[in-house]
Amino acid sequence: MAHNRIIIYSKPNCMQCNFTKKYLDDKGVDYTIKDIFESEVALEEVKELGFTSVPVISVEGKEAFNGFRPDLLDQLV
């Protein structure tokens, strides 16, 4: 089953980021991580999406959301 490209904007030592990644890992879902501490571009993308905290989950064709949201993550599986 093909998935839309999922991007997780994250930072080190972020519990909600880690929960989000583990949740998707446990379901076998592929995603890309963009660390906002390592990439100024990633930080700007988060700001452009209208968020000030991570994780931010961005999926092609869907509205981005932030925080650990199993209800919304389940819609991506």
C-alpha atoms as a PDB file:
ATOM      1  CA  MET A   1       0.000   0.000   0.000  1.00  0.00           C
ATOM      2  CA  ALA A   2       1.467   3.350  -1.028  1.00  0.00           C
ATOM      3  CA  HIS A   3       1.504   6.112   1.529  1.00  0.00           C
ATOM      4  CA  ASN A   4       1.608   9.819   0.922  1.00  0.00           C
ATOM      5  CA  ARG A   5       4.939  11.324   1.881  1.00  0.00           C
ATOM      6  CA  ILE A   6       4.924  11.944   5.634  1.00  0.00           C
ATOM      7  CA  ILE A   7       7.307  14.491   7.140  1.00  0.00           C
ATOM      8  CA  ILE A   8       7.839  14.763  10.882  1.00  0.00           C
ATOM      9  CA  TYR A   9       9.416  18.007  12.025  1.00  0.00           C
ATOM     10  CA  SER A  10      11.232  17.149  15.222  1.00  0.00           C
ATOM     11  CA  LYS A  11      13.951  18.186  17.680  1.00  0.00           C
ATOM     12  CA  PRO A  12      16.241  16.290  20.062  1.00  0.00           C
ATOM     13  CA  ASN A  13      14.874  15.172  23.445  1.00  0.00           C
ATOM     14  CA  CYS A  14      11.257  15.799  22.428  1.00  0.00           C
ATOM     15  CA  MET A  15       9.004  13.215  24.074  1.00  0.00           C
ATOM     16  CA  GLN A  16       6.009  13.875  21.818  1.00  0.00           C
ATOM     17  CA  CYS A  17       8.297  13.624  18.779  1.00  0.00           C
ATOM     18  CA  ASN A  18       9.632  10.282  20.027  1.00  0.00           C
ATOM     19  CA  PHE A  19       6.102   8.978  20.733  1.00  0.00           C
ATOM     20  CA  THR A  20       5.018   9.993  17.223  1.00  0.00           C
ATOM     21  CA  LYS A  21       7.970   8.264  15.551  1.00  0.00           C
ATOM     22  CA  LYS A  22       7.577   5.096  17.654  1.00  0.00           C
ATOM     23  CA  TYR A  23       3.840   4.987  16.913  1.00  0.00           C
ATOM     24  CA  LEU A  24       4.473   5.114  13.160  1.00  0.00           C
ATOM     25  CA  ASP A  25       7.398   2.668  13.438  1.00  0.00           C
ATOM     26  CA  ASP A  26       5.168   0.174  15.257  1.00  0.00           C
ATOM     27  CA  LYS A  27       2.645   0.413  12.410  1.00  0.00           C
ATOM     28  CA  GLY A  28       5.327   0.046   9.711  1.00  0.00           C
ATOM     29  CA  VAL A  29       4.746   3.510   8.253  1.00  0.00           C
ATOM     30  CA  ASP A  30       7.591   5.224   6.408  1.00  0.00           C
ATOM     31  CA  TYR A  31       8.320   8.877   7.116  1.00  0.00           C
ATOM     32  CA  THR A  32      11.023  11.508   6.786  1.00  0.00           C
ATOM     33  CA  ILE A  33      12.410  13.378   9.793  1.00  0.00           C
ATOM     34  CA  LYS A  34      13.394  17.029   9.562  1.00  0.00           C
ATOM     35  CA  ASP A  35      15.230  18.215  12.673  1.00  0.00           C
ATOM     36  CA  ILE A  36      14.528  21.903  13.317  1.00  0.00           C
ATOM     37  CA  PHE A  37      17.748  22.212  15.362  1.00  0.00           C
ATOM     38  CA  GLU A  38      19.877  20.928  12.471  1.00  0.00           C
ATOM     39  CA  SER A  39      18.107  22.739   9.653  1.00  0.00           C
ATOM     40  CA  GLU A  40      17.125  26.396   9.506  1.00  0.00           C
ATOM     41  CA  VAL A  41      15.057  25.498   6.433  1.00  0.00           C
ATOM     42  CA  ALA A  42      13.053  22.950   8.461  1.00  0.00           C
ATOM     43  CA  LEU A  43      12.467  25.536  11.205  1.00  0.00           C
ATOM     44  CA  GLU A  44      11.205  28.025   8.616  1.00  0.00           C
ATOM     45  CA  GLU A  45       8.903  25.380   7.124  1.00  0.00           C
ATOM     46  CA  VAL A  46       7.359  24.792  10.582  1.00  0.00           C
ATOM     47  CA  LYS A  47       6.800  28.534  10.979  1.00  0.00           C
ATOM     48  CA  GLU A  48       5.283  28.763   7.484  1.00  0.00           C
ATOM     49  CA  LEU A  49       2.851  25.980   8.433  1.00  0.00           C
ATOM     50  CA  GLY A  50       1.795  28.177  11.360  1.00  0.00           C
ATOM     51  CA  PHE A  51       3.241  26.146  14.241  1.00  0.00           C
ATOM     52  CA  THR A  52       5.562  27.119  17.084  1.00  0.00           C
ATOM     53  CA  SER A  53       6.101  23.679  18.642  1.00  0.00           C
ATOM     54  CA  VAL A  54       6.987  20.197  17.453  1.00  0.00           C
ATOM     55  CA  PRO A  55       6.318  17.574  16.407  1.00  0.00           C
ATOM     56  CA  VAL A  56       4.603  18.856  13.311  1.00  0.00           C
ATOM     57  CA  ILE A  57       3.330  16.168  10.965  1.00  0.00           C
ATOM     58  CA  SER A  58       2.944  17.178   7.351  1.00  0.00           C
ATOM     59  CA  VAL A  59       1.410  14.887   4.740  1.00  0.00           C
ATOM     60  CA  GLU A  60       0.893  15.634   1.067  1.00  0.00           C
ATOM     61  CA  GLY A  61      -2.746  16.472   0.426  1.00  0.00           C
ATOM     62  CA  LYS A  62      -3.698  16.815   4.110  1.00  0.00           C
ATOM     63  CA  GLU A  63      -3.682  19.584   6.679  1.00  0.00           C
ATOM     64  CA  ALA A  64      -0.578  19.569   8.897  1.00  0.00           C
ATOM     65  CA  PHE A  65      -1.012  18.993  12.624  1.00  0.00           C
ATOM     66  CA  ASN A  66       1.194  19.041  15.687  1.00  0.00           C
ATOM     67  CA  GLY A  67       1.629  17.057  18.868  1.00  0.00           C
ATOM     68  CA  PHE A  68       1.310  13.339  19.484  1.00  0.00           C
ATOM     69  CA  ARG A  69      -2.093  12.601  17.954  1.00  0.00           C
ATOM     70  CA  PRO A  70      -2.774   8.855  17.602  1.00  0.00           C
ATOM     71  CA  ASP A  71      -6.270   9.643  16.289  1.00  0.00           C
ATOM     72  CA  LEU A  72      -4.850  11.595  13.356  1.00  0.00           C
ATOM     73  CA  LEU A  73      -1.857   9.288  12.895  1.00  0.00           C
ATOM     74  CA  ASP A  74      -4.254   6.339  12.483  1.00  0.00           C
ATOM     75  CA  GLN A  75      -5.724   8.103   9.454  1.00  0.00           C
ATOM     76  CA  LEU A  76      -2.305   7.918   7.793  1.00  0.00           C
ATOM     77  CA  VAL A  77      -1.933   4.157   8.149  1.00  0.00           C
END
